Amino acid sequence: MVSLKSNGIVKKSLKVIKSSYTGWLFIMPMILGTILFCAIPFVQSFILAFMDYDMMRPPQWIGIENFKAIFTVDFREVWGSFRITFIYAFISIPVTMFLSYFLALLLNRKIPGMMFFRVLIYLPCIIPPIASAIVWKDIFAPQIGIMNRIVQAFGLPASDWLSSASSALMTIIFMSFWGLGGGMILWLAAFKNIPVDLYEAASLDGASKLRQIFSITIPMSSAMIFYNLINGVIGSMQMFGSFLITDNGGRGPDNSLYFISVRIYQEAFVSFNMGYASALAWILFFVIACMSALLFKHSKWVFYGEDM
């Protein structure tokens, strides 16, 4: 009976695959890429988190020693990296979301030439990160940078920007505005899904444009707000851009830009302490998961349109 049942399952599975093998062929590159570059490294990093591995000798099992070191001996340094990352996230996420939303509202108009401005604002999002890093490094150069020339043209003193511990983090936050076009495109897509009838009814009732934004546009695009918020948390907690721009191995002056992702990279590929770096990566994963779960728990304000 068991063999007959198993044969029936196999035949049924083969029949399903045969009827949809074309679709499986099309998604096979994505499946293989997910397995090779996501699933396998995911499992390997979890195993390495409990090992001492310097990439030169075979890994040795040490249990939870890496985690003990993180929460005891190295806790102050690790917390410093998390603190810098949290500050960056808590400032950059709301500011970039507000600015990109404001841009989308301005560009969500049927005016000739508006498509040109949309493309212009989105263009920085497709520039390779290394090229962007070189450009920003020249812009914020202490002596000959364009930003200091602009500041001095207004009669203000020049700044060291990325070369000073007091201004490096705010400079990195300012640079995050470079990618406002990505959020703007998502907001515009959300605006297009809002029924025009709602605005027409509001206009007939005498609602002003500002009232329509707060009573219709924002509530009806709350699902996209929540989506961008989740993506912002995940992206900000994995901030790595300082490695491409600043000196001192991406740590910045006086470790003012020593984000947790930069610390993971330094431990893994500079100190060759892969086990310790994997433990740090799993702690970061746990922190991001907790923050995301907290946001989902308090997401009752999000409107998905089921009641329409």
C-alpha atoms as a PDB file:
ATOM      1  CA  MET A   1       0.000   0.000   0.000  1.00  0.00           C
ATOM      2  CA  VAL A   2       2.833   2.382   0.875  1.00  0.00           C
ATOM      3  CA  SER A   3       4.626   1.720  -2.394  1.00  0.00           C
ATOM      4  CA  LEU A   4       1.425   2.239  -4.390  1.00  0.00           C
ATOM      5  CA  LYS A   5       0.754   5.499  -2.567  1.00  0.00           C
ATOM      6  CA  SER A   6       4.298   6.749  -3.109  1.00  0.00           C
ATOM      7  CA  ASN A   7       4.148   5.800  -6.792  1.00  0.00           C
ATOM      8  CA  GLY A   8       0.920   7.760  -7.091  1.00  0.00           C
ATOM      9  CA  ILE A   9       2.551  10.834  -5.529  1.00  0.00           C
ATOM     10  CA  VAL A  10       5.547  10.542  -7.867  1.00  0.00           C
ATOM     11  CA  LYS A  11       3.321  10.226 -10.938  1.00  0.00           C
ATOM     12  CA  LYS A  12       1.240  13.174  -9.826  1.00  0.00           C
ATOM     13  CA  SER A  13       4.369  15.282  -9.236  1.00  0.00           C
ATOM     14  CA  LEU A  14       5.789  14.359 -12.644  1.00  0.00           C
ATOM     15  CA  LYS A  15       2.479  15.252 -14.244  1.00  0.00           C
ATOM     16  CA  VAL A  16       2.501  18.685 -12.593  1.00  0.00           C
ATOM     17  CA  ILE A  17       6.107  19.305 -13.647  1.00  0.00           C
ATOM     18  CA  LYS A  18       5.391  18.132 -17.199  1.00  0.00           C
ATOM     19  CA  SER A  19       2.423  20.452 -17.516  1.00  0.00           C
ATOM     20  CA  SER A  20       4.386  23.495 -16.336  1.00  0.00           C
ATOM     21  CA  TYR A  21       8.015  22.724 -17.206  1.00  0.00           C
ATOM     22  CA  THR A  22       8.283  25.850 -19.376  1.00  0.00           C
ATOM     23  CA  GLY A  23       7.572  28.051 -16.382  1.00  0.00           C
ATOM     24  CA  TRP A  24      10.075  26.129 -14.267  1.00  0.00           C
ATOM     25  CA  LEU A  25      12.747  26.673 -16.946  1.00  0.00           C
ATOM     26  CA  PHE A  26      12.142  30.419 -16.912  1.00  0.00           C
ATOM     27  CA  ILE A  27      12.432  30.722 -13.130  1.00  0.00           C
ATOM     28  CA  MET A  28      15.294  28.223 -12.847  1.00  0.00           C
ATOM     29  CA  PRO A  29      18.035  30.949 -12.942  1.00  0.00           C
ATOM     30  CA  MET A  30      16.351  32.719 -10.023  1.00  0.00           C
ATOM     31  CA  ILE A  31      15.950  29.448  -8.098  1.00  0.00           C
ATOM     32  CA  LEU A  32      19.603  28.486  -8.653  1.00  0.00           C
ATOM     33  CA  GLY A  33      20.774  31.980  -7.746  1.00  0.00           C
ATOM     34  CA  THR A  34      18.721  31.939  -4.548  1.00  0.00           C
ATOM     35  CA  ILE A  35      20.113  28.544  -3.573  1.00  0.00           C
ATOM     36  CA  LEU A  36      23.755  29.301  -4.434  1.00  0.00           C
ATOM     37  CA  PHE A  37      24.000  32.903  -3.207  1.00  0.00           C
ATOM     38  CA  CYS A  38      21.384  33.027  -0.419  1.00  0.00           C
ATOM     39  CA  ALA A  39      20.365  29.671   1.013  1.00  0.00           C
ATOM     40  CA  ILE A  40      23.796  27.981   1.101  1.00  0.00           C
ATOM     41  CA  PRO A  41      25.665  31.034   2.532  1.00  0.00           C
ATOM     42  CA  PHE A  42      22.808  31.467   5.027  1.00  0.00           C
ATOM     43  CA  VAL A  43      23.325  27.950   6.392  1.00  0.00           C
ATOM     44  CA  GLN A  44      27.122  28.196   6.230  1.00  0.00           C
ATOM     45  CA  SER A  45      27.215  31.444   8.198  1.00  0.00           C
ATOM     46  CA  PHE A  46      25.020  29.914  10.898  1.00  0.00           C
ATOM     47  CA  ILE A  47      27.427  26.975  11.250  1.00  0.00           C
ATOM     48  CA  LEU A  48      30.517  29.218  11.158  1.00  0.00           C
ATOM     49  CA  ALA A  49      29.070  31.368  13.955  1.00  0.00           C
ATOM     50  CA  PHE A  50      29.891  28.495  16.324  1.00  0.00           C
ATOM     51  CA  MET A  51      33.395  27.927  14.959  1.00  0.00           C
ATOM     52  CA  ASP A  52      36.874  29.417  14.992  1.00  0.00           C
ATOM     53  CA  TYR A  53      37.780  29.859  11.332  1.00  0.00           C
ATOM     54  CA  ASP A  54      40.504  32.086   9.867  1.00  0.00           C
ATOM     55  CA  MET A  55      40.213  30.819   6.248  1.00  0.00           C
ATOM     56  CA  MET A  56      43.706  29.328   6.489  1.00  0.00           C
ATOM     57  CA  ARG A  57      43.095  26.368   8.779  1.00  0.00           C
ATOM     58  CA  PRO A  58      40.141  24.006   9.004  1.00  0.00           C
ATOM     59  CA  PRO A  59      37.306  25.406  11.151  1.00  0.00           C
ATOM     60  CA  GLN A  60      37.208  24.280  14.776  1.00  0.00           C
ATOM     61  CA  TRP A  61      34.026  23.966  16.816  1.00  0.00           C
ATOM     62  CA  ILE A  62      34.020  26.355  19.804  1.00  0.00           C
ATOM     63  CA  GLY A  63      30.320  26.482  20.640  1.00  0.00           C
ATOM     64  CA  ILE A  64      28.956  29.862  21.738  1.00  0.00           C
ATOM     65  CA  GLU A  65      32.381  31.413  22.438  1.00  0.00           C
ATOM     66  CA  ASN A  66      31.985  33.950  19.606  1.00  0.00           C
ATOM     67  CA  PHE A  67      28.675  35.148  21.040  1.00  0.00           C
ATOM     68  CA  LYS A  68      30.120  35.248  24.562  1.00  0.00           C
ATOM     69  CA  ALA A  69      32.971  37.447  23.351  1.00  0.00           C
ATOM     70  CA  ILE A  70      30.524  39.795  21.632  1.00  0.00           C
ATOM     71  CA  PHE A  71      28.371  40.237  24.739  1.00  0.00           C
ATOM     72  CA  THR A  72      31.232  40.426  27.249  1.00  0.00           C
ATOM     73  CA  VAL A  73      34.755  41.443  26.204  1.00  0.00           C
ATOM     74  CA  ASP A  74      33.797  43.251  22.983  1.00  0.00           C
ATOM     75  CA  PHE A  75      30.364  44.473  24.038  1.00  0.00           C
ATOM     76  CA  ARG A  76      31.353  48.146  24.313  1.00  0.00           C
ATOM     77  CA  GLU A  77      32.877  48.196  20.817  1.00  0.00           C
ATOM     78  CA  VAL A  78      30.054  46.209  19.220  1.00  0.00           C
ATOM     79  CA  TRP A  79      27.432  48.385  20.896  1.00  0.00           C
ATOM     80  CA  GLY A  80      29.268  51.443  19.572  1.00  0.00           C
ATOM     81  CA  SER A  81      28.805  50.158  16.025  1.00  0.00           C
ATOM     82  CA  PHE A  82      25.141  49.405  16.659  1.00  0.00           C
ATOM     83  CA  ARG A  83      24.637  52.845  18.229  1.00  0.00           C
ATOM     84  CA  ILE A  84      26.061  54.577  15.140  1.00  0.00           C
ATOM     85  CA  THR A  85      23.869  52.409  12.905  1.00  0.00           C
ATOM     86  CA  PHE A  86      20.752  53.159  14.983  1.00  0.00           C
ATOM     87  CA  ILE A  87      21.414  56.899  14.875  1.00  0.00           C
ATOM     88  CA  TYR A  88      21.837  56.757  11.119  1.00  0.00           C
ATOM     89  CA  ALA A  89      18.628  54.724  10.709  1.00  0.00           C
ATOM     90  CA  PHE A  90      16.470  56.842  13.020  1.00  0.00           C
ATOM     91  CA  ILE A  91      17.489  60.072  11.280  1.00  0.00           C
ATOM     92  CA  SER A  92      17.805  59.023   7.637  1.00  0.00           C
ATOM     93  CA  ILE A  93      14.647  56.882   7.359  1.00  0.00           C
ATOM     94  CA  PRO A  94      12.016  59.536   8.268  1.00  0.00           C
ATOM     95  CA  VAL A  95      13.845  62.336   6.456  1.00  0.00           C
ATOM     96  CA  THR A  96      14.327  60.399   3.203  1.00  0.00           C
ATOM     97  CA  MET A  97      10.761  59.090   3.311  1.00  0.00           C
ATOM     98  CA  PHE A  98       9.355  62.588   3.830  1.00  0.00           C
ATOM     99  CA  LEU A  99      11.492  64.152   1.092  1.00  0.00           C
ATOM    100  CA  SER A 100      10.792  61.405  -1.449  1.00  0.00           C
ATOM    101  CA  TYR A 101       7.059  61.629  -0.638  1.00  0.00           C
ATOM    102  CA  PHE A 102       7.139  65.397  -1.085  1.00  0.00           C
ATOM    103  CA  LEU A 103       8.938  65.005  -4.427  1.00  0.00           C
ATOM    104  CA  ALA A 104       6.351  62.482  -5.574  1.00  0.00           C
ATOM    105  CA  LEU A 105       3.527  64.886  -4.683  1.00  0.00           C
ATOM    106  CA  LEU A 106       5.198  67.631  -6.709  1.00  0.00           C
ATOM    107  CA  LEU A 107       5.785  65.367  -9.705  1.00  0.00           C
ATOM    108  CA  ASN A 108       2.342  63.741  -9.624  1.00  0.00           C
ATOM    109  CA  ARG A 109       0.919  66.395 -11.898  1.00  0.00           C
ATOM    110  CA  LYS A 110      -0.136  66.395 -15.537  1.00  0.00           C
ATOM    111  CA  ILE A 111       2.211  69.132 -16.672  1.00  0.00           C
ATOM    112  CA  PRO A 112       4.262  69.057 -19.917  1.00  0.00           C
ATOM    113  CA  GLY A 113       7.852  67.973 -19.267  1.00  0.00           C
ATOM    114  CA  MET A 114       7.076  66.322 -15.924  1.00  0.00           C
ATOM    115  CA  MET A 115       8.371  62.968 -17.208  1.00  0.00           C
ATOM    116  CA  PHE A 116      11.784  64.563 -17.822  1.00  0.00           C
ATOM    117  CA  PHE A 117      12.068  65.659 -14.187  1.00  0.00           C
ATOM    118  CA  ARG A 118      11.010  62.197 -12.967  1.00  0.00           C
ATOM    119  CA  VAL A 119      13.765  60.569 -15.015  1.00  0.00           C
ATOM    120  CA  LEU A 120      16.279  63.203 -13.907  1.00  0.00           C
ATOM    121  CA  ILE A 121      15.587  62.610 -10.216  1.00  0.00           C
ATOM    122  CA  TYR A 122      15.644  58.824 -10.631  1.00  0.00           C
ATOM    123  CA  LEU A 123      18.955  58.740 -12.560  1.00  0.00           C
ATOM    124  CA  PRO A 124      21.206  58.709  -9.434  1.00  0.00           C
ATOM    125  CA  CYS A 125      19.624  55.383  -8.422  1.00  0.00           C
ATOM    126  CA  ILE A 126      21.125  53.601 -11.439  1.00  0.00           C
ATOM    127  CA  ILE A 127      24.649  54.983 -11.004  1.00  0.00           C
ATOM    128  CA  PRO A 128      27.041  52.269  -9.719  1.00  0.00           C
ATOM    129  CA  PRO A 129      27.883  52.688  -6.004  1.00  0.00           C
ATOM    130  CA  ILE A 130      31.640  52.892  -6.646  1.00  0.00           C
ATOM    131  CA  ALA A 131      31.187  55.733  -9.143  1.00  0.00           C
ATOM    132  CA  SER A 132      28.891  57.543  -6.707  1.00  0.00           C
ATOM    133  CA  ALA A 133      31.443  57.086  -3.914  1.00  0.00           C
ATOM    134  CA  ILE A 134      34.198  58.680  -6.005  1.00  0.00           C
ATOM    135  CA  VAL A 135      31.981  61.632  -6.880  1.00  0.00           C
ATOM    136  CA  TRP A 136      30.889  62.220  -3.270  1.00  0.00           C
ATOM    137  CA  LYS A 137      34.464  61.911  -2.018  1.00  0.00           C
ATOM    138  CA  ASP A 138      35.515  64.705  -4.369  1.00  0.00           C
ATOM    139  CA  ILE A 139      32.485  66.831  -3.500  1.00  0.00           C
ATOM    140  CA  PHE A 140      33.256  66.695   0.245  1.00  0.00           C
ATOM    141  CA  ALA A 141      37.038  67.027  -0.057  1.00  0.00           C
ATOM    142  CA  PRO A 142      38.148  69.325   2.820  1.00  0.00           C
ATOM    143  CA  GLN A 143      40.238  71.762   0.784  1.00  0.00           C
ATOM    144  CA  ILE A 144      39.128  71.674  -2.843  1.00  0.00           C
ATOM    145  CA  GLY A 145      35.655  70.119  -2.590  1.00  0.00           C
ATOM    146  CA  ILE A 146      32.701  71.707  -4.343  1.00  0.00           C
ATOM    147  CA  MET A 147      30.619  71.688  -1.156  1.00  0.00           C
ATOM    148  CA  ASN A 148      33.116  73.871   0.719  1.00  0.00           C
ATOM    149  CA  ARG A 149      33.188  76.311  -2.178  1.00  0.00           C
ATOM    150  CA  ILE A 150      29.389  76.563  -2.063  1.00  0.00           C
ATOM    151  CA  VAL A 151      29.426  77.069   1.702  1.00  0.00           C
ATOM    152  CA  GLN A 152      32.127  79.740   1.485  1.00  0.00           C
ATOM    153  CA  ALA A 153      30.189  81.522  -1.279  1.00  0.00           C
ATOM    154  CA  PHE A 154      27.465  82.171   1.315  1.00  0.00           C
ATOM    155  CA  GLY A 155      30.015  83.564   3.769  1.00  0.00           C
ATOM    156  CA  LEU A 156      30.074  80.452   5.977  1.00  0.00           C
ATOM    157  CA  PRO A 157      33.245  78.736   7.210  1.00  0.00           C
ATOM    158  CA  ALA A 158      34.470  75.618   5.434  1.00  0.00           C
ATOM    159  CA  SER A 159      33.944  72.225   7.058  1.00  0.00           C
ATOM    160  CA  ASP A 160      35.975  69.030   7.165  1.00  0.00           C
ATOM    161  CA  TRP A 161      32.852  66.980   6.345  1.00  0.00           C
ATOM    162  CA  LEU A 162      33.966  63.339   6.157  1.00  0.00           C
ATOM    163  CA  SER A 163      37.355  64.114   7.698  1.00  0.00           C
ATOM    164  CA  SER A 164      35.911  65.213  11.051  1.00  0.00           C
ATOM    165  CA  ALA A 165      34.316  62.921  13.617  1.00  0.00           C
ATOM    166  CA  SER A 166      31.763  65.589  14.536  1.00  0.00           C
ATOM    167  CA  SER A 167      30.373  65.985  11.013  1.00  0.00           C
ATOM    168  CA  ALA A 168      31.076  62.643   9.310  1.00  0.00           C
ATOM    169  CA  LEU A 169      27.823  60.914  10.280  1.00  0.00           C
ATOM    170  CA  MET A 170      25.610  63.851   9.287  1.00  0.00           C
ATOM    171  CA  THR A 171      27.480  64.028   5.985  1.00  0.00           C
ATOM    172  CA  ILE A 172      26.707  60.367   5.318  1.00  0.00           C
ATOM    173  CA  ILE A 173      23.047  61.020   6.166  1.00  0.00           C
ATOM    174  CA  PHE A 174      23.021  63.952   3.747  1.00  0.00           C
ATOM    175  CA  MET A 175      24.483  61.694   1.060  1.00  0.00           C
ATOM    176  CA  SER A 176      21.594  59.249   1.528  1.00  0.00           C
ATOM    177  CA  PHE A 177      19.347  61.846  -0.125  1.00  0.00           C
ATOM    178  CA  TRP A 178      21.103  60.879  -3.364  1.00  0.00           C
ATOM    179  CA  GLY A 179      18.705  57.947  -3.670  1.00  0.00           C
ATOM    180  CA  LEU A 180      15.431  59.823  -3.182  1.00  0.00           C
ATOM    181  CA  GLY A 181      14.391  58.929  -6.721  1.00  0.00           C
ATOM    182  CA  GLY A 182      13.905  55.274  -5.824  1.00  0.00           C
ATOM    183  CA  GLY A 183      11.329  56.068  -3.165  1.00  0.00           C
ATOM    184  CA  MET A 184       9.750  58.694  -5.380  1.00  0.00           C
ATOM    185  CA  ILE A 185       8.972  56.114  -8.092  1.00  0.00           C
ATOM    186  CA  LEU A 186       7.257  53.859  -5.550  1.00  0.00           C
ATOM    187  CA  TRP A 187       5.187  56.737  -4.197  1.00  0.00           C
ATOM    188  CA  LEU A 188       4.100  57.676  -7.723  1.00  0.00           C
ATOM    189  CA  ALA A 189       3.025  54.086  -8.347  1.00  0.00           C
ATOM    190  CA  ALA A 190       0.951  54.182  -5.158  1.00  0.00           C
ATOM    191  CA  PHE A 191      -0.660  57.488  -6.162  1.00  0.00           C
ATOM    192  CA  LYS A 192      -1.739  56.037  -9.509  1.00  0.00           C
ATOM    193  CA  ASN A 193      -3.753  53.358  -7.685  1.00  0.00           C
ATOM    194  CA  ILE A 194      -5.833  55.891  -5.766  1.00  0.00           C
ATOM    195  CA  PRO A 195      -9.303  56.228  -7.364  1.00  0.00           C
ATOM    196  CA  VAL A 196      -9.808  59.617  -8.969  1.00  0.00           C
ATOM    197  CA  ASP A 197     -13.444  59.562  -7.787  1.00  0.00           C
ATOM    198  CA  LEU A 198     -12.282  60.209  -4.230  1.00  0.00           C
ATOM    199  CA  TYR A 199     -10.594  63.471  -5.230  1.00  0.00           C
ATOM    200  CA  GLU A 200     -13.584  64.546  -7.303  1.00  0.00           C
ATOM    201  CA  ALA A 201     -15.959  63.901  -4.401  1.00  0.00           C
ATOM    202  CA  ALA A 202     -13.656  65.783  -2.018  1.00  0.00           C
ATOM    203  CA  SER A 203     -13.487  68.754  -4.409  1.00  0.00           C
ATOM    204  CA  LEU A 204     -17.272  68.860  -4.614  1.00  0.00           C
ATOM    205  CA  ASP A 205     -17.403  68.928  -0.807  1.00  0.00           C
ATOM    206  CA  GLY A 206     -15.057  71.909  -0.803  1.00  0.00           C
ATOM    207  CA  ALA A 207     -11.925  70.133   0.476  1.00  0.00           C
ATOM    208  CA  SER A 208      -8.702  72.000  -0.248  1.00  0.00           C
ATOM    209  CA  LYS A 209      -5.676  70.375  -1.893  1.00  0.00           C
ATOM    210  CA  LEU A 210      -3.905  70.171   1.458  1.00  0.00           C
ATOM    211  CA  ARG A 211      -6.941  68.533   3.069  1.00  0.00           C
ATOM    212  CA  GLN A 212      -7.102  66.022   0.210  1.00  0.00           C
ATOM    213  CA  ILE A 213      -3.473  65.079   0.808  1.00  0.00           C
ATOM    214  CA  PHE A 214      -4.041  64.348   4.506  1.00  0.00           C
ATOM    215  CA  SER A 215      -7.491  62.786   4.130  1.00  0.00           C
ATOM    216  CA  ILE A 216      -7.059  60.817   0.884  1.00  0.00           C
ATOM    217  CA  THR A 217      -3.508  60.598  -0.474  1.00  0.00           C
ATOM    218  CA  ILE A 218      -1.680  59.672   2.718  1.00  0.00           C
ATOM    219  CA  PRO A 219      -4.257  57.156   4.045  1.00  0.00           C
ATOM    220  CA  MET A 220      -4.693  55.512   0.631  1.00  0.00           C
ATOM    221  CA  SER A 221      -0.914  55.170   0.175  1.00  0.00           C
ATOM    222  CA  SER A 222      -0.281  53.877   3.713  1.00  0.00           C
ATOM    223  CA  ALA A 223       0.535  50.388   2.384  1.00  0.00           C
ATOM    224  CA  MET A 224       3.411  51.848   0.354  1.00  0.00           C
ATOM    225  CA  ILE A 225       4.469  53.941   3.349  1.00  0.00           C
ATOM    226  CA  PHE A 226       4.718  50.765   5.403  1.00  0.00           C
ATOM    227  CA  TYR A 227       6.579  48.952   2.607  1.00  0.00           C
ATOM    228  CA  ASN A 228       9.138  51.765   2.294  1.00  0.00           C
ATOM    229  CA  LEU A 229       9.470  51.892   6.077  1.00  0.00           C
ATOM    230  CA  ILE A 230      10.327  48.192   6.259  1.00  0.00           C
ATOM    231  CA  ASN A 231      12.787  48.499   3.374  1.00  0.00           C
ATOM    232  CA  GLY A 232      14.297  51.586   4.986  1.00  0.00           C
ATOM    233  CA  VAL A 233      14.894  49.761   8.267  1.00  0.00           C
ATOM    234  CA  ILE A 234      16.493  46.783   6.534  1.00  0.00           C
ATOM    235  CA  GLY A 235      18.653  48.948   4.270  1.00  0.00           C
ATOM    236  CA  SER A 236      19.751  51.410   6.956  1.00  0.00           C
ATOM    237  CA  MET A 237      20.741  48.676   9.393  1.00  0.00           C
ATOM    238  CA  GLN A 238      22.985  47.249   6.674  1.00  0.00           C
ATOM    239  CA  MET A 239      24.606  50.592   5.860  1.00  0.00           C
ATOM    240  CA  PHE A 240      27.945  49.966   4.154  1.00  0.00           C
ATOM    241  CA  GLY A 241      28.487  53.077   2.058  1.00  0.00           C
ATOM    242  CA  SER A 242      31.105  54.585   4.374  1.00  0.00           C
ATOM    243  CA  PHE A 243      33.507  51.790   3.409  1.00  0.00           C
ATOM    244  CA  LEU A 244      33.632  53.135  -0.152  1.00  0.00           C
ATOM    245  CA  ILE A 245      34.040  56.789   0.808  1.00  0.00           C
ATOM    246  CA  THR A 246      36.079  57.221   3.974  1.00  0.00           C
ATOM    247  CA  ASP A 247      39.568  56.222   4.957  1.00  0.00           C
ATOM    248  CA  ASN A 248      40.582  54.079   7.926  1.00  0.00           C
ATOM    249  CA  GLY A 249      38.985  50.997   6.390  1.00  0.00           C
ATOM    250  CA  GLY A 250      35.555  52.618   6.183  1.00  0.00           C
ATOM    251  CA  ARG A 251      35.486  53.339   9.922  1.00  0.00           C
ATOM    252  CA  GLY A 252      35.797  57.089   9.487  1.00  0.00           C
ATOM    253  CA  PRO A 253      37.670  59.497  11.768  1.00  0.00           C
ATOM    254  CA  ASP A 254      37.758  58.218  15.352  1.00  0.00           C
ATOM    255  CA  ASN A 255      35.500  55.309  14.312  1.00  0.00           C
ATOM    256  CA  SER A 256      32.616  57.753  13.858  1.00  0.00           C
ATOM    257  CA  LEU A 257      31.365  55.781  10.832  1.00  0.00           C
ATOM    258  CA  TYR A 258      32.069  52.292  12.114  1.00  0.00           C
ATOM    259  CA  PHE A 259      28.675  50.848  11.163  1.00  0.00           C
ATOM    260  CA  ILE A 260      27.929  47.288  12.193  1.00  0.00           C
ATOM    261  CA  SER A 261      28.084  46.074   8.567  1.00  0.00           C
ATOM    262  CA  VAL A 262      31.521  47.639   8.202  1.00  0.00           C
ATOM    263  CA  ARG A 263      32.607  45.892  11.412  1.00  0.00           C
ATOM    264  CA  ILE A 264      31.370  42.560  10.036  1.00  0.00           C
ATOM    265  CA  TYR A 265      33.378  43.137   6.854  1.00  0.00           C
ATOM    266  CA  GLN A 266      36.490  44.118   8.809  1.00  0.00           C
ATOM    267  CA  GLU A 267      36.271  41.027  10.991  1.00  0.00           C
ATOM    268  CA  ALA A 268      35.659  38.704   8.043  1.00  0.00           C
ATOM    269  CA  PHE A 269      37.956  39.967   5.301  1.00  0.00           C
ATOM    270  CA  VAL A 270      40.582  42.036   7.117  1.00  0.00           C
ATOM    271  CA  SER A 271      41.068  40.132  10.374  1.00  0.00           C
ATOM    272  CA  PHE A 272      40.016  36.826   8.728  1.00  0.00           C
ATOM    273  CA  ASN A 273      37.884  35.943  11.721  1.00  0.00           C
ATOM    274  CA  MET A 274      35.006  34.405   9.812  1.00  0.00           C
ATOM    275  CA  GLY A 275      33.404  32.732  12.810  1.00  0.00           C
ATOM    276  CA  TYR A 276      33.243  35.951  14.807  1.00  0.00           C
ATOM    277  CA  ALA A 277      31.968  37.877  11.768  1.00  0.00           C
ATOM    278  CA  SER A 278      29.250  35.272  11.196  1.00  0.00           C
ATOM    279  CA  ALA A 279      28.139  35.617  14.813  1.00  0.00           C
ATOM    280  CA  LEU A 280      27.930  39.386  14.381  1.00  0.00           C
ATOM    281  CA  ALA A 281      25.935  38.925  11.177  1.00  0.00           C
ATOM    282  CA  TRP A 282      23.424  36.686  12.944  1.00  0.00           C
ATOM    283  CA  ILE A 283      23.020  39.200  15.749  1.00  0.00           C
ATOM    284  CA  LEU A 284      22.362  41.889  13.132  1.00  0.00           C
ATOM    285  CA  PHE A 285      19.843  39.568  11.464  1.00  0.00           C
ATOM    286  CA  PHE A 286      18.085  39.077  14.796  1.00  0.00           C
ATOM    287  CA  VAL A 287      17.961  42.835  15.463  1.00  0.00           C
ATOM    288  CA  ILE A 288      16.501  43.546  12.008  1.00  0.00           C
ATOM    289  CA  ALA A 289      13.967  40.720  12.455  1.00  0.00           C
ATOM    290  CA  CYS A 290      12.872  42.128  15.829  1.00  0.00           C
ATOM    291  CA  MET A 291      12.514  45.654  14.446  1.00  0.00           C
ATOM    292  CA  SER A 292      10.518  44.368  11.467  1.00  0.00           C
ATOM    293  CA  ALA A 293       8.283  42.251  13.709  1.00  0.00           C
ATOM    294  CA  LEU A 294       7.647  45.284  15.920  1.00  0.00           C
ATOM    295  CA  LEU A 295       6.626  47.338  12.896  1.00  0.00           C
ATOM    296  CA  PHE A 296       4.287  44.593  11.683  1.00  0.00           C
ATOM    297  CA  LYS A 297       2.742  44.312  15.137  1.00  0.00           C
ATOM    298  CA  HIS A 298       1.897  48.016  15.134  1.00  0.00           C
ATOM    299  CA  SER A 299       0.733  48.190  11.497  1.00  0.00           C
ATOM    300  CA  LYS A 300      -3.008  48.499  12.135  1.00  0.00           C
ATOM    301  CA  TRP A 301      -2.862  51.974  10.601  1.00  0.00           C
ATOM    302  CA  VAL A 302      -2.021  50.479   7.195  1.00  0.00           C
ATOM    303  CA  PHE A 303      -4.929  50.415   4.727  1.00  0.00           C
ATOM    304  CA  TYR A 304      -4.737  47.691   2.063  1.00  0.00           C
ATOM    305  CA  GLY A 305      -7.993  48.472   0.294  1.00  0.00           C
ATOM    306  CA  GLU A 306      -9.970  45.343   1.236  1.00  0.00           C
ATOM    307  CA  ASP A 307     -12.979  47.381   2.332  1.00  0.00           C
ATOM    308  CA  MET A 308     -13.321  49.339  -0.882  1.00  0.00           C
END
